[in-house]
Amino acid sequence: MTTDFILPKIKYMKVYKFTVIFEPEKEQKGVYNAFVPALPGCLSFGDSLVEARYNIREAIELYLSTLLEEDKPIPKDKKVKVSKNAKVEEIIVGIDFDIKAGFEKKLVPGYAK
């Protein structure tokens, strides 16, 4: 006889802050390219600064979610020198994920029963 157990899941959110560089596109007025120096290959753009902010936030969330799913470390934020026309902002993102019961002590810093 076998018995299936359903392990409860705990919702957990981790908050990260990253420096984002927004550079205006030289050939298209109003268009901004955005990249995160700490996350290689994490870049986006938008037809306005507002759209570029939205798009890069989504790109950061996807990038970090992938790292967490693959059990890879999250890089620390980096500050870099930028061109005169660039805008530098810090963007905060929250990544939530499920943790199976029993693994809380390993995955949740400061967790105590």
C-alpha atoms as a PDB file:
ATOM      1  CA  MET A   1       0.000   0.000   0.000  1.00  0.00           C
ATOM      2  CA  THR A   2       1.350   3.411  -0.926  1.00  0.00           C
ATOM      3  CA  THR A   3       0.286   6.712   0.448  1.00  0.00           C
ATOM      4  CA  ASP A   4       0.686   9.986  -1.380  1.00  0.00           C
ATOM      5  CA  PHE A   5       1.511  12.981   0.709  1.00  0.00           C
ATOM      6  CA  ILE A   6       0.751  16.493  -0.357  1.00  0.00           C
ATOM      7  CA  LEU A   7       3.336  18.854   1.026  1.00  0.00           C
ATOM      8  CA  PRO A   8       2.017  22.325   1.727  1.00  0.00           C
ATOM      9  CA  LYS A   9       3.750  25.182  -0.027  1.00  0.00           C
ATOM     10  CA  ILE A  10       4.847  28.432   1.494  1.00  0.00           C
ATOM     11  CA  LYS A  11       4.794  31.595  -0.567  1.00  0.00           C
ATOM     12  CA  TYR A  12       8.022  33.528  -0.209  1.00  0.00           C
ATOM     13  CA  MET A  13       9.086  36.854  -1.701  1.00  0.00           C
ATOM     14  CA  LYS A  14      12.572  38.224  -2.025  1.00  0.00           C
ATOM     15  CA  VAL A  15      13.143  41.879  -2.900  1.00  0.00           C
ATOM     16  CA  TYR A  16      16.102  43.021  -5.000  1.00  0.00           C
ATOM     17  CA  LYS A  17      17.380  46.457  -6.002  1.00  0.00           C
ATOM     18  CA  PHE A  18      19.411  47.032  -9.163  1.00  0.00           C
ATOM     19  CA  THR A  19      20.932  50.028 -10.889  1.00  0.00           C
ATOM     20  CA  VAL A  20      19.480  50.540 -14.361  1.00  0.00           C
ATOM     21  CA  ILE A  21      20.971  52.720 -17.090  1.00  0.00           C
ATOM     22  CA  PHE A  22      18.611  54.409 -19.554  1.00  0.00           C
ATOM     23  CA  GLU A  23      20.240  55.811 -22.678  1.00  0.00           C
ATOM     24  CA  PRO A  24      18.348  57.815 -25.284  1.00  0.00           C
ATOM     25  CA  GLU A  25      18.444  56.333 -28.771  1.00  0.00           C
ATOM     26  CA  LYS A  26      20.455  58.628 -31.035  1.00  0.00           C
ATOM     27  CA  GLU A  27      18.492  57.902 -34.202  1.00  0.00           C
ATOM     28  CA  GLN A  28      14.944  57.779 -32.783  1.00  0.00           C
ATOM     29  CA  LYS A  29      13.740  60.641 -30.626  1.00  0.00           C
ATOM     30  CA  GLY A  30      12.011  59.593 -27.403  1.00  0.00           C
ATOM     31  CA  VAL A  31      13.206  55.963 -27.547  1.00  0.00           C
ATOM     32  CA  TYR A  32      15.288  54.698 -24.610  1.00  0.00           C
ATOM     33  CA  ASN A  33      17.536  51.665 -24.313  1.00  0.00           C
ATOM     34  CA  ALA A  34      17.813  50.194 -20.813  1.00  0.00           C
ATOM     35  CA  PHE A  35      20.295  47.774 -19.296  1.00  0.00           C
ATOM     36  CA  VAL A  36      21.304  46.411 -15.902  1.00  0.00           C
ATOM     37  CA  PRO A  37      25.093  46.364 -15.393  1.00  0.00           C
ATOM     38  CA  ALA A  38      24.887  43.632 -12.723  1.00  0.00           C
ATOM     39  CA  LEU A  39      22.846  41.276 -14.934  1.00  0.00           C
ATOM     40  CA  PRO A  40      24.705  40.447 -18.160  1.00  0.00           C
ATOM     41  CA  GLY A  41      22.351  40.389 -21.122  1.00  0.00           C
ATOM     42  CA  CYS A  42      19.443  41.929 -19.210  1.00  0.00           C
ATOM     43  CA  LEU A  43      18.360  44.767 -21.450  1.00  0.00           C
ATOM     44  CA  SER A  44      15.280  46.258 -23.007  1.00  0.00           C
ATOM     45  CA  PHE A  45      13.976  49.440 -24.618  1.00  0.00           C
ATOM     46  CA  GLY A  46      10.848  51.550 -24.859  1.00  0.00           C
ATOM     47  CA  ASP A  47       9.273  54.197 -27.044  1.00  0.00           C
ATOM     48  CA  SER A  48       9.367  56.452 -23.968  1.00  0.00           C
ATOM     49  CA  LEU A  49      11.228  56.497 -20.659  1.00  0.00           C
ATOM     50  CA  VAL A  50       8.086  55.239 -18.896  1.00  0.00           C
ATOM     51  CA  GLU A  51       7.767  52.293 -21.287  1.00  0.00           C
ATOM     52  CA  ALA A  52      11.481  51.504 -20.983  1.00  0.00           C
ATOM     53  CA  ARG A  53      11.120  51.431 -17.161  1.00  0.00           C
ATOM     54  CA  TYR A  54       8.195  49.036 -17.391  1.00  0.00           C
ATOM     55  CA  ASN A  55       9.984  46.778 -19.894  1.00  0.00           C
ATOM     56  CA  ILE A  56      13.277  46.607 -17.988  1.00  0.00           C
ATOM     57  CA  ARG A  57      11.455  45.816 -14.732  1.00  0.00           C
ATOM     58  CA  GLU A  58       9.783  42.890 -16.479  1.00  0.00           C
ATOM     59  CA  ALA A  59      13.141  41.786 -17.936  1.00  0.00           C
ATOM     60  CA  ILE A  60      14.753  41.895 -14.466  1.00  0.00           C
ATOM     61  CA  GLU A  61      11.913  39.842 -12.974  1.00  0.00           C
ATOM     62  CA  LEU A  62      12.261  37.178 -15.682  1.00  0.00           C
ATOM     63  CA  TYR A  63      16.055  37.140 -15.382  1.00  0.00           C
ATOM     64  CA  LEU A  64      15.974  36.710 -11.594  1.00  0.00           C
ATOM     65  CA  SER A  65      13.181  34.120 -11.718  1.00  0.00           C
ATOM     66  CA  THR A  66      15.274  32.044 -14.108  1.00  0.00           C
ATOM     67  CA  LEU A  67      18.331  32.253 -11.863  1.00  0.00           C
ATOM     68  CA  LEU A  68      16.273  31.177  -8.838  1.00  0.00           C
ATOM     69  CA  GLU A  69      14.641  28.293 -10.718  1.00  0.00           C
ATOM     70  CA  GLU A  70      18.066  27.078 -11.829  1.00  0.00           C
ATOM     71  CA  ASP A  71      19.414  27.476  -8.266  1.00  0.00           C
ATOM     72  CA  LYS A  72      22.026  29.999  -9.415  1.00  0.00           C
ATOM     73  CA  PRO A  73      23.234  32.919  -7.299  1.00  0.00           C
ATOM     74  CA  ILE A  74      21.788  36.392  -7.753  1.00  0.00           C
ATOM     75  CA  PRO A  75      24.568  38.874  -8.631  1.00  0.00           C
ATOM     76  CA  LYS A  76      25.133  41.929  -6.450  1.00  0.00           C
ATOM     77  CA  ASP A  77      24.269  45.328  -7.864  1.00  0.00           C
ATOM     78  CA  LYS A  78      26.967  47.206  -9.802  1.00  0.00           C
ATOM     79  CA  LYS A  79      27.519  50.899 -10.258  1.00  0.00           C
ATOM     80  CA  VAL A  80      29.120  52.049 -13.495  1.00  0.00           C
ATOM     81  CA  LYS A  81      30.121  55.317 -15.094  1.00  0.00           C
ATOM     82  CA  VAL A  82      27.675  56.456 -17.747  1.00  0.00           C
ATOM     83  CA  SER A  83      27.531  58.906 -20.610  1.00  0.00           C
ATOM     84  CA  LYS A  84      26.332  62.461 -20.068  1.00  0.00           C
ATOM     85  CA  ASN A  85      22.927  61.830 -21.678  1.00  0.00           C
ATOM     86  CA  ALA A  86      22.167  58.639 -19.740  1.00  0.00           C
ATOM     87  CA  LYS A  87      19.763  58.437 -16.828  1.00  0.00           C
ATOM     88  CA  VAL A  88      20.613  56.223 -13.858  1.00  0.00           C
ATOM     89  CA  GLU A  89      17.875  54.824 -11.639  1.00  0.00           C
ATOM     90  CA  GLU A  90      17.545  52.130  -9.032  1.00  0.00           C
ATOM     91  CA  ILE A  91      14.694  49.719  -9.646  1.00  0.00           C
ATOM     92  CA  ILE A  92      13.265  47.464  -6.963  1.00  0.00           C
ATOM     93  CA  VAL A  93      11.647  44.169  -7.929  1.00  0.00           C
ATOM     94  CA  GLY A  94      10.016  41.475  -5.831  1.00  0.00           C
ATOM     95  CA  ILE A  95      10.292  37.860  -6.895  1.00  0.00           C
ATOM     96  CA  ASP A  96       7.886  35.414  -5.306  1.00  0.00           C
ATOM     97  CA  PHE A  97       8.078  31.652  -5.420  1.00  0.00           C
ATOM     98  CA  ASP A  98       6.754  28.591  -3.625  1.00  0.00           C
ATOM     99  CA  ILE A  99       8.808  26.627  -1.126  1.00  0.00           C
ATOM    100  CA  LYS A 100       7.840  23.084  -0.180  1.00  0.00           C
ATOM    101  CA  ALA A 101       7.342  22.606   3.547  1.00  0.00           C
ATOM    102  CA  GLY A 102      10.439  21.241   5.220  1.00  0.00           C
ATOM    103  CA  PHE A 103      12.886  23.302   3.195  1.00  0.00           C
ATOM    104  CA  GLU A 104      12.194  26.626   4.900  1.00  0.00           C
ATOM    105  CA  LYS A 105      15.299  26.558   7.065  1.00  0.00           C
ATOM    106  CA  LYS A 106      17.547  26.097   4.049  1.00  0.00           C
ATOM    107  CA  LEU A 107      15.911  28.676   1.774  1.00  0.00           C
ATOM    108  CA  VAL A 108      14.557  31.365   4.059  1.00  0.00           C
ATOM    109  CA  PRO A 109      17.275  33.279   5.942  1.00  0.00           C
ATOM    110  CA  GLY A 110      16.255  33.949   9.518  1.00  0.00           C
ATOM    111  CA  TYR A 111      13.485  31.336   9.456  1.00  0.00           C
ATOM    112  CA  ALA A 112      12.881  29.720  12.837  1.00  0.00           C
ATOM    113  CA  LYS A 113      10.084  27.444  14.006  1.00  0.00           C
END
